[in-house]
Amino acid sequence: MTKTESISRTGEAVSPDTGSRAAVAEFMREFKGFRDDIDDRLKQQENRMTMLDRTARRAARPVLASAAEGEAPHQKAFAAYLRSGDDDALRGLELEGKAMSTAVAADGGYLVDPETSSTIKSVLSGASSIRQVANVVTVEATAYDVLVDHTDVGSGWAGESTVSDSATPSLDRISIPLYELSALPKVSQRLLDDSAFDIEAWLAGRIADKFLRAEAAAFVNGNGSDKPTGFLTHTKIDNDSWAWDKLGYVATGTDAGFDDTEPGDALVDLVYALGARYRANGTFVMNSKTAGAVRKVKDGDGRFMWTDTLAEGEPARLMGYPVLIAEDMPDIASDSYSIAFGDFGAGYTVAERPDLRVLRDPFSAKPHVLFYATKRVGGDVSDFAAIKLLKFGLA
């Protein structure tokens, strides 16, 4: 055997060319196996990405009846009740203690599911209503009491004087009763039978819209009879003679308008009629028509007193203070109280119960189904020193 020959695996001598071809063939087989393995892995990855894409698309679709398996038990049971009136699942959850104290139908309906309830609350809190700047408390009772101490606590410097005891406290009790607020959305049974119809979102939107409008009007002008007491319904008095239980006002000096020569002076007087501890958190409240008139008011140097903010969601500002547009405020007229300024977080309290009930009524408006939604809410002035009014009159 020559030096150029080699031994094959079987022990036979092979030439160098034959050995090279065998090595190349072996390499190609191994490379093909490696390539096939890479292709398989890529296909598996592609399949996984396709499944993820389908899952994301399903999540973006409206909630269908067939998708109820992924819902929370209470939400699933509540949706079944809204669509067909089947309350067996809700009753079962109540018996198991899983329905967040769900009320039986005889007690006025069933509690809405937490997601729907949160949607309604977020709409109410974010809308243009006194609720947005007021003190909002949640209570379990039928009324909310606010105690106001009018006395000053004794004070002194240590080592210089003896700190005297506080005087006998003079307390005022302000009781804010809660009243039932209701909404009555109506929908056809045919639409309820459509599995693509998102009944929870529709119901939340309709209830929130009705509640928002009713609350906004009551917090400004409510007479306290089966509804909250609006701050404008309290007795008004010239701020120089202000006393507790009354709201102080500043007059523009011009009937049904601002002064012709110094229109901005009345706004300045209104701001500084409010005590310093309230003024830091002050907010102007007026309707759109009044805001249109105020935007034209200039100070003594000819500068507009109204400024618009560039940040999204930020309110406009008047003399540096935010402006809340509440359409239930009165238009500018003779002796009208069309602008309020104050710390409404201290000056006005909204009290409400946390539960929101819905009762399904398929009989009263056939072939439509009514949903009787109720909640309990109240509101009233809690600090008469924290809100001042601008009167468009001579005095």
Protein backbone atom coordinates (compact mmCIF):
# COMPACT_ATOMS: atom_id res chain seq x y z
CA MET A 1 0.00 0.00 0.00
CA THR A 2 1.40 3.37 -1.06
CA LYS A 3 1.75 6.40 1.17
CA THR A 4 -1.11 8.18 -0.70
CA GLU A 5 -3.57 5.41 0.04
CA SER A 6 -5.67 5.33 3.20
CA ILE A 7 -7.59 2.67 5.08
CA SER A 8 -11.38 2.69 4.88
CA ARG A 9 -13.65 1.90 7.82
CA THR A 10 -13.82 -1.73 6.60
CA GLY A 11 -10.04 -2.01 6.62
CA GLU A 12 -9.70 -1.79 2.83
CA ALA A 13 -7.29 0.62 1.23
CA VAL A 14 -8.93 3.63 -0.52
CA SER A 15 -7.44 6.39 -2.62
CA PRO A 16 -7.31 10.05 -1.40
CA ASP A 17 -10.02 11.11 -3.92
CA THR A 18 -12.37 8.45 -2.70
CA GLY A 19 -11.81 9.49 0.94
CA SER A 20 -12.45 13.18 0.15
CA ARG A 21 -15.70 12.39 -1.63
CA ALA A 22 -16.86 10.33 1.34
CA ALA A 23 -16.02 13.15 3.77
CA VAL A 24 -17.88 15.69 1.64
CA ALA A 25 -20.90 13.40 1.44
CA GLU A 26 -20.87 12.95 5.22
CA PHE A 27 -20.63 16.71 5.70
CA MET A 28 -23.56 17.35 3.36
CA ARG A 29 -25.73 14.82 5.22
CA GLU A 30 -24.93 16.49 8.53
CA PHE A 31 -25.53 19.98 7.09
CA LYS A 32 -28.90 18.89 5.68
CA GLY A 33 -29.91 17.55 9.08
CA PHE A 34 -28.87 20.83 10.71
CA ARG A 35 -30.83 22.85 8.13
CA ASP A 36 -33.94 20.70 8.60
CA ASP A 37 -33.70 21.22 12.35
CA ILE A 38 -33.48 25.02 11.89
CA ASP A 39 -36.49 24.96 9.54
CA ASP A 40 -38.53 23.02 12.10
CA ARG A 41 -37.67 25.50 14.84
CA LEU A 42 -38.61 28.46 12.62
CA LYS A 43 -41.96 26.86 11.80
CA GLN A 44 -42.64 26.27 15.50
CA GLN A 45 -41.79 29.90 16.27
CA GLU A 46 -44.05 31.09 13.44
CA ASN A 47 -46.90 28.97 14.78
CA ARG A 48 -46.44 30.42 18.27
CA MET A 49 -46.46 33.99 16.90
CA THR A 50 -49.63 33.23 14.95
CA MET A 51 -51.34 31.94 18.09
CA LEU A 52 -50.28 35.03 20.05
CA ASP A 53 -51.62 37.28 17.29
CA ARG A 54 -54.96 35.46 17.32
CA THR A 55 -55.16 35.76 21.10
CA ALA A 56 -54.49 39.51 20.92
CA ARG A 57 -57.18 39.94 18.27
CA ARG A 58 -59.71 38.03 20.34
CA ALA A 59 -58.93 40.24 23.34
CA ALA A 60 -59.62 43.34 21.24
CA ARG A 61 -63.04 42.12 20.12
CA PRO A 62 -66.26 42.96 22.00
CA VAL A 63 -67.11 40.52 24.76
CA LEU A 64 -69.27 37.75 23.32
CA ALA A 65 -71.54 35.45 25.22
CA SER A 66 -69.31 32.51 24.27
CA ALA A 67 -66.35 34.29 25.88
CA ALA A 68 -67.98 34.34 29.28
CA GLU A 69 -65.81 31.47 30.48
CA GLY A 70 -62.92 33.91 30.95
CA GLU A 71 -64.97 36.33 33.03
CA ALA A 72 -65.12 36.54 36.78
CA PRO A 73 -67.97 34.48 38.25
CA HIS A 74 -69.99 37.51 39.34
CA GLN A 75 -69.53 39.29 36.02
CA LYS A 76 -70.57 36.19 34.09
CA ALA A 77 -73.63 35.68 36.28
CA PHE A 78 -74.56 39.36 36.06
CA ALA A 79 -74.31 39.32 32.25
CA ALA A 80 -76.62 36.29 32.13
CA TYR A 81 -79.12 38.12 34.33
CA LEU A 82 -79.08 41.21 32.11
CA ARG A 83 -79.55 39.25 28.89
CA SER A 84 -82.18 36.70 29.91
CA GLY A 85 -83.25 37.44 33.47
CA ASP A 86 -81.64 34.21 34.69
CA ASP A 87 -80.61 34.98 38.26
CA ASP A 88 -79.87 31.44 39.43
CA ALA A 89 -76.12 31.99 39.16
CA LEU A 90 -76.31 35.27 41.12
CA ARG A 91 -78.33 33.61 43.87
CA GLY A 92 -75.86 30.75 43.96
CA LEU A 93 -72.95 33.16 44.37
CA GLU A 94 -74.80 34.89 47.17
CA LEU A 95 -75.33 31.63 49.01
CA GLU A 96 -71.64 30.86 48.61
CA GLY A 97 -70.69 34.28 49.96
CA LYS A 98 -68.94 35.28 46.73
CA ALA A 99 -71.25 37.99 45.43
CA MET A 100 -70.00 40.96 47.47
CA SER A 101 -73.25 41.08 49.48
CA THR A 102 -75.35 40.86 46.34
CA ALA A 103 -78.88 41.97 47.11
CA VAL A 104 -81.75 39.66 46.18
CA ALA A 105 -84.30 40.92 43.69
CA ALA A 106 -86.89 41.51 46.42
CA ASP A 107 -84.52 44.04 47.97
CA GLY A 108 -84.32 46.14 44.84
CA GLY A 109 -82.17 44.28 42.33
CA TYR A 110 -78.65 42.94 42.08
CA LEU A 111 -75.34 44.72 42.55
CA VAL A 112 -73.57 45.42 39.27
CA ASP A 113 -70.26 43.68 38.70
CA PRO A 114 -67.14 45.53 39.94
CA GLU A 115 -65.84 46.38 36.46
CA THR A 116 -69.11 48.05 35.40
CA SER A 117 -69.36 49.86 38.73
CA SER A 118 -65.81 51.20 38.39
CA THR A 119 -66.56 52.46 34.87
CA ILE A 120 -69.57 54.42 36.11
CA LYS A 121 -67.63 55.90 39.04
CA SER A 122 -64.72 56.96 36.81
CA VAL A 123 -67.10 58.75 34.43
CA LEU A 124 -68.81 60.58 37.29
CA SER A 125 -65.50 61.59 38.88
CA GLY A 126 -63.93 62.80 35.65
CA ALA A 127 -66.87 64.77 34.27
CA SER A 128 -67.54 68.51 34.64
CA SER A 129 -69.54 68.48 37.85
CA ILE A 130 -69.08 69.82 41.37
CA ARG A 131 -68.22 66.22 42.26
CA GLN A 132 -64.91 66.76 40.44
CA VAL A 133 -63.72 69.34 42.99
CA ALA A 134 -65.86 68.46 46.03
CA ASN A 135 -65.05 66.22 48.98
CA VAL A 136 -66.51 62.79 48.09
CA VAL A 137 -67.02 60.30 50.93
CA THR A 138 -68.40 56.76 50.94
CA VAL A 139 -70.73 55.78 53.78
CA GLU A 140 -72.78 52.75 54.74
CA ALA A 141 -75.41 54.72 56.68
CA THR A 142 -78.43 56.69 55.47
CA ALA A 143 -76.80 60.05 56.26
CA TYR A 144 -73.36 61.60 56.74
CA ASP A 145 -72.72 64.03 59.58
CA VAL A 146 -70.11 66.80 59.49
CA LEU A 147 -69.08 68.42 62.79
CA VAL A 148 -67.73 71.96 62.56
CA ASP A 149 -65.88 73.51 65.53
CA HIS A 150 -66.07 77.31 65.55
CA THR A 151 -63.83 77.85 68.58
CA ASP A 152 -60.09 78.46 68.55
CA VAL A 153 -57.79 76.20 70.53
CA GLY A 154 -55.77 78.03 73.21
CA SER A 155 -52.09 78.46 72.33
CA GLY A 156 -48.94 80.13 73.59
CA TRP A 157 -45.14 80.09 73.59
CA ALA A 158 -43.53 77.66 76.01
CA GLY A 159 -41.76 79.52 78.80
CA GLU A 160 -43.48 82.81 78.03
CA SER A 161 -47.05 82.06 78.99
CA THR A 162 -49.18 79.25 80.21
CA VAL A 163 -51.20 77.61 77.52
CA SER A 164 -54.83 78.04 78.46
CA ASP A 165 -57.40 75.36 78.05
CA SER A 166 -59.59 75.49 75.00
CA ALA A 167 -62.87 77.25 75.39
CA THR A 168 -66.06 75.26 75.52
CA PRO A 169 -66.39 73.98 71.95
CA SER A 170 -69.10 75.45 69.80
CA LEU A 171 -70.03 72.72 67.37
CA ASP A 172 -72.34 72.77 64.40
CA ARG A 173 -73.62 69.48 63.07
CA ILE A 174 -74.33 69.37 59.34
CA SER A 175 -76.26 66.24 58.40
CA ILE A 176 -76.20 65.19 54.75
CA PRO A 177 -78.98 62.66 54.04
CA LEU A 178 -78.65 60.23 51.16
CA TYR A 179 -81.37 60.07 48.52
CA GLU A 180 -82.11 57.48 45.87
CA LEU A 181 -80.97 58.42 42.39
CA SER A 182 -82.33 56.27 39.58
CA ALA A 183 -81.92 55.73 35.86
CA LEU A 184 -84.09 53.68 33.52
CA PRO A 185 -82.21 52.63 30.36
CA LYS A 186 -84.28 50.72 27.77
CA VAL A 187 -83.12 48.18 25.17
CA SER A 188 -84.84 45.68 22.87
CA GLN A 189 -84.74 41.97 23.66
CA ARG A 190 -83.53 41.31 20.12
CA LEU A 191 -80.43 43.37 20.80
CA LEU A 192 -79.87 41.53 24.08
CA ASP A 193 -80.03 38.23 22.19
CA ASP A 194 -77.21 39.39 19.91
CA SER A 195 -74.07 37.82 21.39
CA ALA A 196 -71.87 40.56 19.88
CA PHE A 197 -73.70 43.27 21.85
CA ASP A 198 -71.61 44.34 24.86
CA ILE A 199 -74.45 44.73 27.33
CA GLU A 200 -72.22 45.67 30.28
CA ALA A 201 -70.49 48.54 28.45
CA TRP A 202 -73.79 49.82 27.06
CA LEU A 203 -75.47 49.73 30.46
CA ALA A 204 -72.52 51.46 32.17
CA GLY A 205 -72.55 54.28 29.62
CA ARG A 206 -76.29 54.88 29.84
CA ILE A 207 -76.39 54.81 33.64
CA ALA A 208 -73.36 57.10 33.97
CA ASP A 209 -74.89 59.64 31.57
CA LYS A 210 -78.19 59.78 33.47
CA PHE A 211 -76.53 59.94 36.87
CA LEU A 212 -74.08 62.61 35.77
CA ARG A 213 -76.73 65.03 34.54
CA ALA A 214 -78.97 64.53 37.58
CA GLU A 215 -76.11 64.92 40.06
CA ALA A 216 -74.62 67.97 38.35
CA ALA A 217 -77.94 69.83 38.53
CA ALA A 218 -78.64 68.85 42.14
CA PHE A 219 -75.19 69.81 43.48
CA VAL A 220 -75.74 73.36 42.18
CA ASN A 221 -79.49 73.98 42.44
CA GLY A 222 -80.97 71.02 44.36
CA ASN A 223 -83.61 72.02 46.91
CA GLY A 224 -82.90 69.21 49.38
CA SER A 225 -86.30 67.60 48.85
CA ASP A 226 -85.60 63.99 47.81
CA LYS A 227 -82.35 65.22 46.27
CA PRO A 228 -79.04 66.79 47.40
CA THR A 229 -78.95 70.43 48.50
CA GLY A 230 -77.21 72.64 45.96
CA PHE A 231 -74.83 75.30 47.24
CA LEU A 232 -76.71 78.07 45.38
CA THR A 233 -79.93 77.34 47.29
CA HIS A 234 -78.47 78.54 50.59
CA THR A 235 -79.08 82.09 51.81
CA LYS A 236 -76.71 84.67 50.30
CA ILE A 237 -75.45 87.72 52.17
CA ASP A 238 -73.05 90.57 51.45
CA ASN A 239 -69.62 89.30 52.37
CA ASP A 240 -69.00 92.29 54.66
CA SER A 241 -71.84 90.98 56.85
CA TRP A 242 -71.13 87.28 56.37
CA ALA A 243 -72.30 84.83 59.03
CA TRP A 244 -72.33 81.06 59.34
CA ASP A 245 -75.10 79.16 57.50
CA LYS A 246 -74.95 81.74 54.71
CA LEU A 247 -72.81 82.21 51.60
CA GLY A 248 -71.06 85.53 51.22
CA TYR A 249 -71.16 87.39 47.91
CA VAL A 250 -69.33 90.26 46.23
CA ALA A 251 -71.27 92.52 43.84
CA THR A 252 -69.95 93.69 40.47
CA GLY A 253 -71.48 97.15 41.01
CA THR A 254 -73.19 96.91 37.61
CA ASP A 255 -76.59 95.37 36.97
CA ALA A 256 -76.33 92.21 34.84
CA GLY A 257 -72.70 92.74 33.92
CA PHE A 258 -69.17 93.83 34.78
CA ASP A 259 -68.11 97.43 35.35
CA ASP A 260 -67.48 99.18 32.05
CA THR A 261 -64.18 100.83 33.06
CA GLU A 262 -62.62 98.26 35.44
CA PRO A 263 -64.35 94.94 34.71
CA GLY A 264 -61.64 92.85 36.34
CA ASP A 265 -61.92 94.48 39.77
CA ALA A 266 -64.96 92.38 40.72
CA LEU A 267 -63.05 89.17 40.04
CA VAL A 268 -60.14 90.37 42.16
CA ASP A 269 -62.53 91.27 44.98
CA LEU A 270 -64.14 87.84 44.74
CA VAL A 271 -60.81 86.02 45.03
CA TYR A 272 -59.69 88.02 48.07
CA ALA A 273 -63.05 87.73 49.78
CA LEU A 274 -62.05 84.13 50.40
CA GLY A 275 -59.81 83.42 53.38
CA ALA A 276 -56.16 82.68 52.65
CA ARG A 277 -56.32 79.06 53.85
CA TYR A 278 -59.10 78.37 51.35
CA ARG A 279 -57.74 80.53 48.54
CA ALA A 280 -54.74 78.25 47.97
CA ASN A 281 -57.12 75.52 46.73
CA GLY A 282 -59.59 77.85 45.05
CA THR A 283 -61.53 77.00 41.88
CA PHE A 284 -63.82 79.19 39.76
CA VAL A 285 -67.17 77.63 38.81
CA MET A 286 -69.31 79.02 35.98
CA ASN A 287 -71.17 77.88 32.86
CA SER A 288 -69.96 78.16 29.28
CA LYS A 289 -71.89 81.34 28.47
CA THR A 290 -70.44 83.13 31.48
CA ALA A 291 -66.98 81.83 30.65
CA GLY A 292 -67.32 83.38 27.19
CA ALA A 293 -67.92 86.78 28.80
CA VAL A 294 -65.12 86.39 31.34
CA ARG A 295 -62.59 85.50 28.64
CA LYS A 296 -62.92 89.07 27.33
CA VAL A 297 -62.15 90.72 30.67
CA LYS A 298 -58.78 92.49 30.95
CA ASP A 299 -56.89 93.82 33.94
CA GLY A 300 -55.77 97.43 34.45
CA ASP A 301 -52.73 96.86 32.21
CA GLY A 302 -54.81 95.58 29.30
CA ARG A 303 -53.89 91.90 29.77
CA PHE A 304 -56.50 89.16 29.57
CA MET A 305 -57.19 87.64 32.96
CA TRP A 306 -58.15 84.30 31.41
CA THR A 307 -55.42 81.92 30.21
CA ASP A 308 -55.71 78.60 28.42
CA THR A 309 -53.29 75.81 29.32
CA LEU A 310 -51.39 73.84 26.69
CA ALA A 311 -51.32 70.58 28.67
CA GLU A 312 -54.00 68.10 27.66
CA GLY A 313 -56.67 67.63 30.30
CA GLU A 314 -55.66 70.70 32.30
CA PRO A 315 -58.43 73.25 32.98
CA ALA A 316 -58.30 76.84 31.85
CA ARG A 317 -57.19 79.34 34.47
CA LEU A 318 -58.52 82.66 35.63
CA MET A 319 -56.10 84.78 37.65
CA GLY A 320 -54.03 81.62 38.00
CA TYR A 321 -56.87 79.54 39.47
CA PRO A 322 -58.52 76.60 37.63
CA VAL A 323 -61.96 77.03 36.08
CA LEU A 324 -64.64 74.34 36.26
CA ILE A 325 -67.34 74.63 33.62
CA ALA A 326 -70.64 73.60 35.24
CA GLU A 327 -73.51 74.15 32.84
CA ASP A 328 -76.09 74.25 35.64
CA MET A 329 -74.70 77.56 36.93
CA PRO A 330 -76.99 80.48 35.97
CA ASP A 331 -76.32 82.80 33.05
CA ILE A 332 -75.31 86.39 33.71
CA ALA A 333 -78.49 88.33 34.46
CA SER A 334 -79.77 90.98 36.81
CA ASP A 335 -78.75 90.05 40.39
CA SER A 336 -77.64 86.58 39.28
CA TYR A 337 -74.97 84.59 41.15
CA SER A 338 -73.26 83.33 38.05
CA ILE A 339 -69.71 82.80 39.32
CA ALA A 340 -68.59 80.93 42.42
CA PHE A 341 -65.07 80.79 43.78
CA GLY A 342 -63.92 78.61 46.62
CA ASP A 343 -62.21 75.59 48.02
CA PHE A 344 -64.95 73.10 47.18
CA GLY A 345 -62.97 70.24 48.70
CA ALA A 346 -63.63 71.88 52.06
CA GLY A 347 -66.83 73.69 51.19
CA TYR A 348 -69.02 71.00 49.61
CA THR A 349 -69.35 67.32 50.53
CA VAL A 350 -70.80 64.56 48.38
CA ALA A 351 -71.78 61.44 50.33
CA GLU A 352 -72.72 58.19 48.62
CA ARG A 353 -73.19 54.51 49.26
CA PRO A 354 -70.77 52.20 47.42
CA ASP A 355 -73.42 49.88 45.99
CA LEU A 356 -75.16 50.30 42.64
CA ARG A 357 -78.16 48.05 42.00
CA VAL A 358 -79.88 47.03 38.77
CA LEU A 359 -83.34 45.46 38.48
CA ARG A 360 -84.38 43.93 35.15
CA ASP A 361 -87.98 44.65 34.04
CA PRO A 362 -89.08 42.80 30.88
CA PHE A 363 -92.81 43.54 31.33
CA SER A 364 -93.45 47.29 31.60
CA ALA A 365 -92.26 48.28 28.11
CA LYS A 366 -92.68 45.18 25.91
CA PRO A 367 -91.06 44.32 23.54
CA HIS A 368 -88.27 46.31 25.23
CA VAL A 369 -86.51 45.51 28.48
CA LEU A 370 -86.05 48.19 31.15
CA PHE A 371 -83.13 48.25 33.55
CA TYR A 372 -83.96 50.11 36.75
CA ALA A 373 -80.59 51.28 38.15
CA THR A 374 -80.40 52.93 41.56
CA LYS A 375 -77.77 54.39 43.87
CA ARG A 376 -77.95 56.54 47.00
CA VAL A 377 -76.19 59.90 47.08
CA GLY A 378 -76.42 63.19 48.95
CA GLY A 379 -74.63 66.52 48.99
CA ASP A 380 -74.56 69.82 50.86
CA VAL A 381 -72.33 72.70 51.90
CA SER A 382 -70.00 71.54 54.67
CA ASP A 383 -68.09 74.81 55.28
CA PHE A 384 -69.86 78.09 54.54
CA ALA A 385 -66.60 80.04 54.79
CA ALA A 386 -65.01 78.12 51.91
CA ILE A 387 -67.26 79.34 49.05
CA LYS A 388 -67.92 82.90 47.82
CA LEU A 389 -70.21 84.12 45.05
CA LEU A 390 -70.10 86.94 42.51
CA LYS A 391 -73.39 88.80 42.21
CA PHE A 392 -74.04 90.64 38.96
CA GLY A 393 -75.87 93.55 40.58
CA LEU A 394 -75.46 96.98 42.12
CA ALA A 395 -75.08 95.72 45.69
